[in-house]
Amino acid sequence: MVYGYARVSTHGQAKDGNSLEAQSQELMKAGADEVFSDAITGTVTDRPELDRLMAQMQDGDTIVVTKLDRIARNLKQGVELIDTLNDRGIKVNVLNMGVIDNTPTGKLIRNIMLSLAEWERDMIIQRTQEGKQIAKKNPGYREGRPKKYNRAQTRHALDLLKDHSYSQVVDMTGISRSTLVRMKADARED
């Protein structure tokens, strides 16, 4: 059996053909009978769909991924996973590289490519941290996502809570109950 595995870090990831849909289409074209997919960072080892796929695969099966960094984002994790698959008699086919086997050359190429994937991820983190340090120097810097509701909307919702239930204010404003509770708690702190 040929299984495909697709992974994105977030559901919103869709650039450069890395969306789950684009990967799934590519994997099906490459002969995958079934595609498993996760929307989770590649650095975590607990990926529900990959775990489910690992439990299902048997000797003689093949796992197909579009790129090596879809299955692992660091050298240690990738080596362990690919060695486990190869030891179980499962072929690992990376569409932009070919089949990774247990030969010395296969291991060398696997290690080089996994090292590059890990380096790329580390560089992204470093650039993000550098950008954050630069941004912190700007007046008005605020860490985290921008607030979804402005002061006027927040004030209006809190005023409504004085005379209405949370459910009523949710219906009137479209602001979720959990956000209203948080707004109310923040207002008490100020």
C-alpha atoms as a PDB file:
ATOM      1  CA  MET A   1       0.000   0.000   0.000  1.00  0.00           C
ATOM      2  CA  VAL A   2       1.196   3.536  -0.743  1.00  0.00           C
ATOM      3  CA  TYR A   3       0.354   6.140   1.881  1.00  0.00           C
ATOM      4  CA  GLY A   4       0.817   9.871   1.584  1.00  0.00           C
ATOM      5  CA  TYR A   5       1.609  12.174   4.480  1.00  0.00           C
ATOM      6  CA  ALA A   6       1.052  15.937   4.310  1.00  0.00           C
ATOM      7  CA  ARG A   7       1.856  18.463   7.018  1.00  0.00           C
ATOM      8  CA  VAL A   8       1.608  22.208   7.477  1.00  0.00           C
ATOM      9  CA  SER A   9       2.558  24.190  10.550  1.00  0.00           C
ATOM     10  CA  THR A  10      -0.745  26.077  10.544  1.00  0.00           C
ATOM     11  CA  HIS A  11      -4.063  25.708   8.722  1.00  0.00           C
ATOM     12  CA  GLY A  12      -3.466  29.111   7.135  1.00  0.00           C
ATOM     13  CA  GLN A  13      -0.229  28.013   5.465  1.00  0.00           C
ATOM     14  CA  ALA A  14      -0.886  27.998   1.751  1.00  0.00           C
ATOM     15  CA  LYS A  15       2.061  29.670   0.070  1.00  0.00           C
ATOM     16  CA  ASP A  16       4.608  27.952  -2.161  1.00  0.00           C
ATOM     17  CA  GLY A  17       2.335  24.968  -2.750  1.00  0.00           C
ATOM     18  CA  ASN A  18       2.598  23.850   0.869  1.00  0.00           C
ATOM     19  CA  SER A  19      -1.124  23.835   1.656  1.00  0.00           C
ATOM     20  CA  LEU A  20      -2.578  20.507   2.740  1.00  0.00           C
ATOM     21  CA  GLU A  21      -4.731  20.469  -0.396  1.00  0.00           C
ATOM     22  CA  ALA A  22      -1.774  21.072  -2.729  1.00  0.00           C
ATOM     23  CA  GLN A  23       0.323  18.438  -0.975  1.00  0.00           C
ATOM     24  CA  SER A  24      -2.541  15.927  -1.033  1.00  0.00           C
ATOM     25  CA  GLN A  25      -3.060  16.427  -4.770  1.00  0.00           C
ATOM     26  CA  GLU A  26       0.659  15.939  -5.425  1.00  0.00           C
ATOM     27  CA  LEU A  27       0.741  12.810  -3.247  1.00  0.00           C
ATOM     28  CA  MET A  28      -2.301  11.305  -5.001  1.00  0.00           C
ATOM     29  CA  LYS A  29      -0.660  11.989  -8.395  1.00  0.00           C
ATOM     30  CA  ALA A  30       2.412  10.159  -7.102  1.00  0.00           C
ATOM     31  CA  GLY A  31       0.300   7.063  -6.391  1.00  0.00           C
ATOM     32  CA  ALA A  32      -0.816   7.473  -2.774  1.00  0.00           C
ATOM     33  CA  ASP A  33      -3.875   5.338  -2.068  1.00  0.00           C
ATOM     34  CA  GLU A  34      -4.664   7.285   1.105  1.00  0.00           C
ATOM     35  CA  VAL A  35      -3.327  10.594   2.467  1.00  0.00           C
ATOM     36  CA  PHE A  36      -2.940  11.432   6.154  1.00  0.00           C
ATOM     37  CA  SER A  37      -2.410  15.065   7.114  1.00  0.00           C
ATOM     38  CA  ASP A  38      -1.560  17.132  10.176  1.00  0.00           C
ATOM     39  CA  ALA A  39      -1.650  20.878  10.788  1.00  0.00           C
ATOM     40  CA  ILE A  40       1.036  21.021  13.444  1.00  0.00           C
ATOM     41  CA  THR A  41       4.619  22.176  13.703  1.00  0.00           C
ATOM     42  CA  GLY A  42       7.162  19.681  12.426  1.00  0.00           C
ATOM     43  CA  THR A  43       9.250  19.954  15.576  1.00  0.00           C
ATOM     44  CA  VAL A  44       6.788  18.139  17.819  1.00  0.00           C
ATOM     45  CA  THR A  45       6.938  14.368  17.902  1.00  0.00           C
ATOM     46  CA  ASP A  46       3.265  13.820  18.743  1.00  0.00           C
ATOM     47  CA  ARG A  47       1.457  14.252  15.440  1.00  0.00           C
ATOM     48  CA  PRO A  48      -1.906  12.452  15.621  1.00  0.00           C
ATOM     49  CA  GLU A  49      -2.314  11.592  11.943  1.00  0.00           C
ATOM     50  CA  LEU A  50       1.316  10.539  11.518  1.00  0.00           C
ATOM     51  CA  ASP A  51       0.971   8.366  14.630  1.00  0.00           C
ATOM     52  CA  ARG A  52      -2.188   6.814  13.166  1.00  0.00           C
ATOM     53  CA  LEU A  53      -0.397   6.209   9.857  1.00  0.00           C
ATOM     54  CA  MET A  54       2.618   4.651  11.621  1.00  0.00           C
ATOM     55  CA  ALA A  55       0.317   2.208  13.421  1.00  0.00           C
ATOM     56  CA  GLN A  56      -1.372   1.248  10.149  1.00  0.00           C
ATOM     57  CA  MET A  57       1.661   0.717   7.878  1.00  0.00           C
ATOM     58  CA  GLN A  58       3.134  -2.730   7.345  1.00  0.00           C
ATOM     59  CA  ASP A  59       6.212  -4.303   5.804  1.00  0.00           C
ATOM     60  CA  GLY A  60       6.258  -3.583   2.067  1.00  0.00           C
ATOM     61  CA  ASP A  61       4.231  -0.354   2.294  1.00  0.00           C
ATOM     62  CA  THR A  62       5.508   3.019   1.102  1.00  0.00           C
ATOM     63  CA  ILE A  63       5.104   6.443   2.671  1.00  0.00           C
ATOM     64  CA  VAL A  64       5.269   9.371   0.250  1.00  0.00           C
ATOM     65  CA  VAL A  65       5.875  13.003   1.254  1.00  0.00           C
ATOM     66  CA  THR A  66       6.319  16.032  -0.978  1.00  0.00           C
ATOM     67  CA  LYS A  67       9.425  17.314   0.825  1.00  0.00           C
ATOM     68  CA  LEU A  68      11.595  15.914   3.596  1.00  0.00           C
ATOM     69  CA  ASP A  69      10.738  18.795   5.954  1.00  0.00           C
ATOM     70  CA  ARG A  70       7.066  17.745   5.835  1.00  0.00           C
ATOM     71  CA  ILE A  71       7.920  14.594   7.799  1.00  0.00           C
ATOM     72  CA  ALA A  72      10.591  16.037  10.114  1.00  0.00           C
ATOM     73  CA  ARG A  73      12.024  19.474  10.835  1.00  0.00           C
ATOM     74  CA  ASN A  74      15.197  18.426  12.658  1.00  0.00           C
ATOM     75  CA  LEU A  75      17.978  15.919  12.175  1.00  0.00           C
ATOM     76  CA  LYS A  76      17.452  13.774  15.276  1.00  0.00           C
ATOM     77  CA  GLN A  77      13.711  13.353  14.805  1.00  0.00           C
ATOM     78  CA  GLY A  78      14.046  12.694  11.078  1.00  0.00           C
ATOM     79  CA  VAL A  79      16.798  10.109  11.461  1.00  0.00           C
ATOM     80  CA  GLU A  80      14.837   8.235  14.141  1.00  0.00           C
ATOM     81  CA  LEU A  81      11.611   8.266  12.136  1.00  0.00           C
ATOM     82  CA  ILE A  82      13.161   7.228   8.811  1.00  0.00           C
ATOM     83  CA  ASP A  83      15.292   4.525  10.465  1.00  0.00           C
ATOM     84  CA  THR A  84      12.173   3.172  12.203  1.00  0.00           C
ATOM     85  CA  LEU A  85      10.303   3.077   8.903  1.00  0.00           C
ATOM     86  CA  ASN A  86      13.196   1.438   7.028  1.00  0.00           C
ATOM     87  CA  ASP A  87      13.702  -1.123   9.823  1.00  0.00           C
ATOM     88  CA  ARG A  88      10.017  -2.066   9.512  1.00  0.00           C
ATOM     89  CA  GLY A  89      10.442  -2.631   5.753  1.00  0.00           C
ATOM     90  CA  ILE A  90       8.590   0.553   4.807  1.00  0.00           C
ATOM     91  CA  LYS A  91       9.934   2.613   1.903  1.00  0.00           C
ATOM     92  CA  VAL A  92      10.244   6.381   2.351  1.00  0.00           C
ATOM     93  CA  ASN A  93       9.704   8.270  -0.909  1.00  0.00           C
ATOM     94  CA  VAL A  94      10.348  12.016  -0.859  1.00  0.00           C
ATOM     95  CA  LEU A  95       9.008  13.422  -4.121  1.00  0.00           C
ATOM     96  CA  ASN A  96      11.690  16.076  -4.580  1.00  0.00           C
ATOM     97  CA  MET A  97      14.516  13.667  -3.615  1.00  0.00           C
ATOM     98  CA  GLY A  98      13.578  10.059  -4.323  1.00  0.00           C
ATOM     99  CA  VAL A  99      13.517   6.955  -2.147  1.00  0.00           C
ATOM    100  CA  ILE A 100      15.536   7.171   1.072  1.00  0.00           C
ATOM    101  CA  ASP A 101      17.021   3.820   1.981  1.00  0.00           C
ATOM    102  CA  ASN A 102      19.449   2.396   4.544  1.00  0.00           C
ATOM    103  CA  THR A 103      22.462   2.446   2.233  1.00  0.00           C
ATOM    104  CA  PRO A 104      25.432   4.623   3.259  1.00  0.00           C
ATOM    105  CA  THR A 105      24.613   7.051   0.424  1.00  0.00           C
ATOM    106  CA  GLY A 106      20.924   7.143   1.376  1.00  0.00           C
ATOM    107  CA  LYS A 107      21.814   7.905   4.988  1.00  0.00           C
ATOM    108  CA  LEU A 108      24.271  10.633   3.943  1.00  0.00           C
ATOM    109  CA  ILE A 109      21.731  12.387   1.724  1.00  0.00           C
ATOM    110  CA  ARG A 110      19.032  12.022   4.407  1.00  0.00           C
ATOM    111  CA  ASN A 111      21.303  13.532   7.066  1.00  0.00           C
ATOM    112  CA  ILE A 112      22.410  16.424   4.860  1.00  0.00           C
ATOM    113  CA  MET A 113      18.851  17.296   3.847  1.00  0.00           C
ATOM    114  CA  LEU A 114      17.526  17.003   7.417  1.00  0.00           C
ATOM    115  CA  SER A 115      20.396  19.184   8.639  1.00  0.00           C
ATOM    116  CA  LEU A 116      19.458  21.791   6.045  1.00  0.00           C
ATOM    117  CA  ALA A 117      15.777  21.652   7.125  1.00  0.00           C
ATOM    118  CA  GLU A 118      16.815  22.153  10.752  1.00  0.00           C
ATOM    119  CA  TRP A 119      19.180  25.007   9.778  1.00  0.00           C
ATOM    120  CA  GLU A 120      16.401  26.677   7.770  1.00  0.00           C
ATOM    121  CA  ARG A 121      14.016  26.496  10.724  1.00  0.00           C
ATOM    122  CA  ASP A 122      16.688  27.866  13.085  1.00  0.00           C
ATOM    123  CA  MET A 123      17.318  30.761  10.684  1.00  0.00           C
ATOM    124  CA  ILE A 124      13.609  31.592  10.577  1.00  0.00           C
ATOM    125  CA  ILE A 125      13.536  31.685  14.381  1.00  0.00           C
ATOM    126  CA  GLN A 126      16.670  33.842  14.509  1.00  0.00           C
ATOM    127  CA  ARG A 127      15.302  36.341  11.964  1.00  0.00           C
ATOM    128  CA  THR A 128      11.996  36.488  13.836  1.00  0.00           C
ATOM    129  CA  GLN A 129      13.774  37.194  17.124  1.00  0.00           C
ATOM    130  CA  GLU A 130      15.955  39.862  15.501  1.00  0.00           C
ATOM    131  CA  GLY A 131      12.876  41.510  14.010  1.00  0.00           C
ATOM    132  CA  LYS A 132      11.174  41.443  17.393  1.00  0.00           C
ATOM    133  CA  GLN A 133      14.174  43.129  19.045  1.00  0.00           C
ATOM    134  CA  ILE A 134      14.078  45.883  16.413  1.00  0.00           C
ATOM    135  CA  ALA A 135      10.297  46.289  16.826  1.00  0.00           C
ATOM    136  CA  LYS A 136      10.649  46.578  20.617  1.00  0.00           C
ATOM    137  CA  LYS A 137      12.685  49.764  20.118  1.00  0.00           C
ATOM    138  CA  ASN A 138       9.704  51.454  18.467  1.00  0.00           C
ATOM    139  CA  PRO A 139       7.408  53.459  20.729  1.00  0.00           C
ATOM    140  CA  GLY A 140       4.003  51.875  21.106  1.00  0.00           C
ATOM    141  CA  TYR A 141       5.344  48.355  20.618  1.00  0.00           C
ATOM    142  CA  ARG A 142       2.989  45.744  21.964  1.00  0.00           C
ATOM    143  CA  GLU A 143       3.851  42.058  21.943  1.00  0.00           C
ATOM    144  CA  GLY A 144       1.383  39.577  20.534  1.00  0.00           C
ATOM    145  CA  ARG A 145      -1.436  39.836  18.068  1.00  0.00           C
ATOM    146  CA  PRO A 146      -3.153  43.159  17.596  1.00  0.00           C
ATOM    147  CA  LYS A 147      -6.389  43.446  19.566  1.00  0.00           C
ATOM    148  CA  LYS A 148      -9.418  42.470  17.535  1.00  0.00           C
ATOM    149  CA  TYR A 149     -11.689  45.044  19.180  1.00  0.00           C
ATOM    150  CA  ASN A 150     -10.876  48.716  19.661  1.00  0.00           C
ATOM    151  CA  ARG A 151     -11.490  50.703  22.867  1.00  0.00           C
ATOM    152  CA  ALA A 152     -14.895  51.940  21.762  1.00  0.00           C
ATOM    153  CA  GLN A 153     -16.097  48.407  20.952  1.00  0.00           C
ATOM    154  CA  THR A 154     -14.733  47.106  24.255  1.00  0.00           C
ATOM    155  CA  ARG A 155     -16.349  49.945  26.232  1.00  0.00           C
ATOM    156  CA  HIS A 156     -19.678  49.393  24.440  1.00  0.00           C
ATOM    157  CA  ALA A 157     -19.631  45.650  25.188  1.00  0.00           C
ATOM    158  CA  LEU A 158     -18.772  46.256  28.860  1.00  0.00           C
ATOM    159  CA  ASP A 159     -21.577  48.830  29.120  1.00  0.00           C
ATOM    160  CA  LEU A 160     -24.019  46.301  27.663  1.00  0.00           C
ATOM    161  CA  LEU A 161     -22.915  43.727  30.255  1.00  0.00           C
ATOM    162  CA  LYS A 162     -24.175  46.023  33.011  1.00  0.00           C
ATOM    163  CA  ASP A 163     -27.801  45.443  31.919  1.00  0.00           C
ATOM    164  CA  HIS A 164     -27.638  42.245  29.845  1.00  0.00           C
ATOM    165  CA  SER A 165     -26.424  38.657  30.177  1.00  0.00           C
ATOM    166  CA  TYR A 166     -23.308  37.371  28.479  1.00  0.00           C
ATOM    167  CA  SER A 167     -25.442  35.458  25.972  1.00  0.00           C
ATOM    168  CA  GLN A 168     -27.381  38.589  25.063  1.00  0.00           C
ATOM    169  CA  VAL A 169     -24.206  40.639  24.607  1.00  0.00           C
ATOM    170  CA  VAL A 170     -22.705  37.863  22.460  1.00  0.00           C
ATOM    171  CA  ASP A 171     -25.807  38.011  20.244  1.00  0.00           C
ATOM    172  CA  MET A 172     -25.745  41.820  20.077  1.00  0.00           C
ATOM    173  CA  THR A 173     -22.025  42.305  19.439  1.00  0.00           C
ATOM    174  CA  GLY A 174     -20.712  39.070  17.980  1.00  0.00           C
ATOM    175  CA  ILE A 175     -17.961  39.083  20.604  1.00  0.00           C
ATOM    176  CA  SER A 176     -17.460  35.619  22.121  1.00  0.00           C
ATOM    177  CA  ARG A 177     -18.263  34.934  25.762  1.00  0.00           C
ATOM    178  CA  SER A 178     -14.627  34.095  26.570  1.00  0.00           C
ATOM    179  CA  THR A 179     -13.489  37.418  25.066  1.00  0.00           C
ATOM    180  CA  LEU A 180     -16.149  39.294  27.048  1.00  0.00           C
ATOM    181  CA  VAL A 181     -14.999  37.606  30.271  1.00  0.00           C
ATOM    182  CA  ARG A 182     -11.395  38.554  29.456  1.00  0.00           C
ATOM    183  CA  MET A 183     -12.417  42.146  28.645  1.00  0.00           C
ATOM    184  CA  LYS A 184     -14.253  42.415  31.949  1.00  0.00           C
ATOM    185  CA  ALA A 185     -11.270  41.014  33.894  1.00  0.00           C
ATOM    186  CA  ASP A 186      -8.871  43.408  32.108  1.00  0.00           C
ATOM    187  CA  ALA A 187     -11.165  46.360  32.887  1.00  0.00           C
ATOM    188  CA  ARG A 188     -11.075  45.480  36.606  1.00  0.00           C
ATOM    189  CA  GLU A 189      -7.264  45.426  36.565  1.00  0.00           C
ATOM    190  CA  ASP A 190      -7.043  48.924  35.038  1.00  0.00           C
END
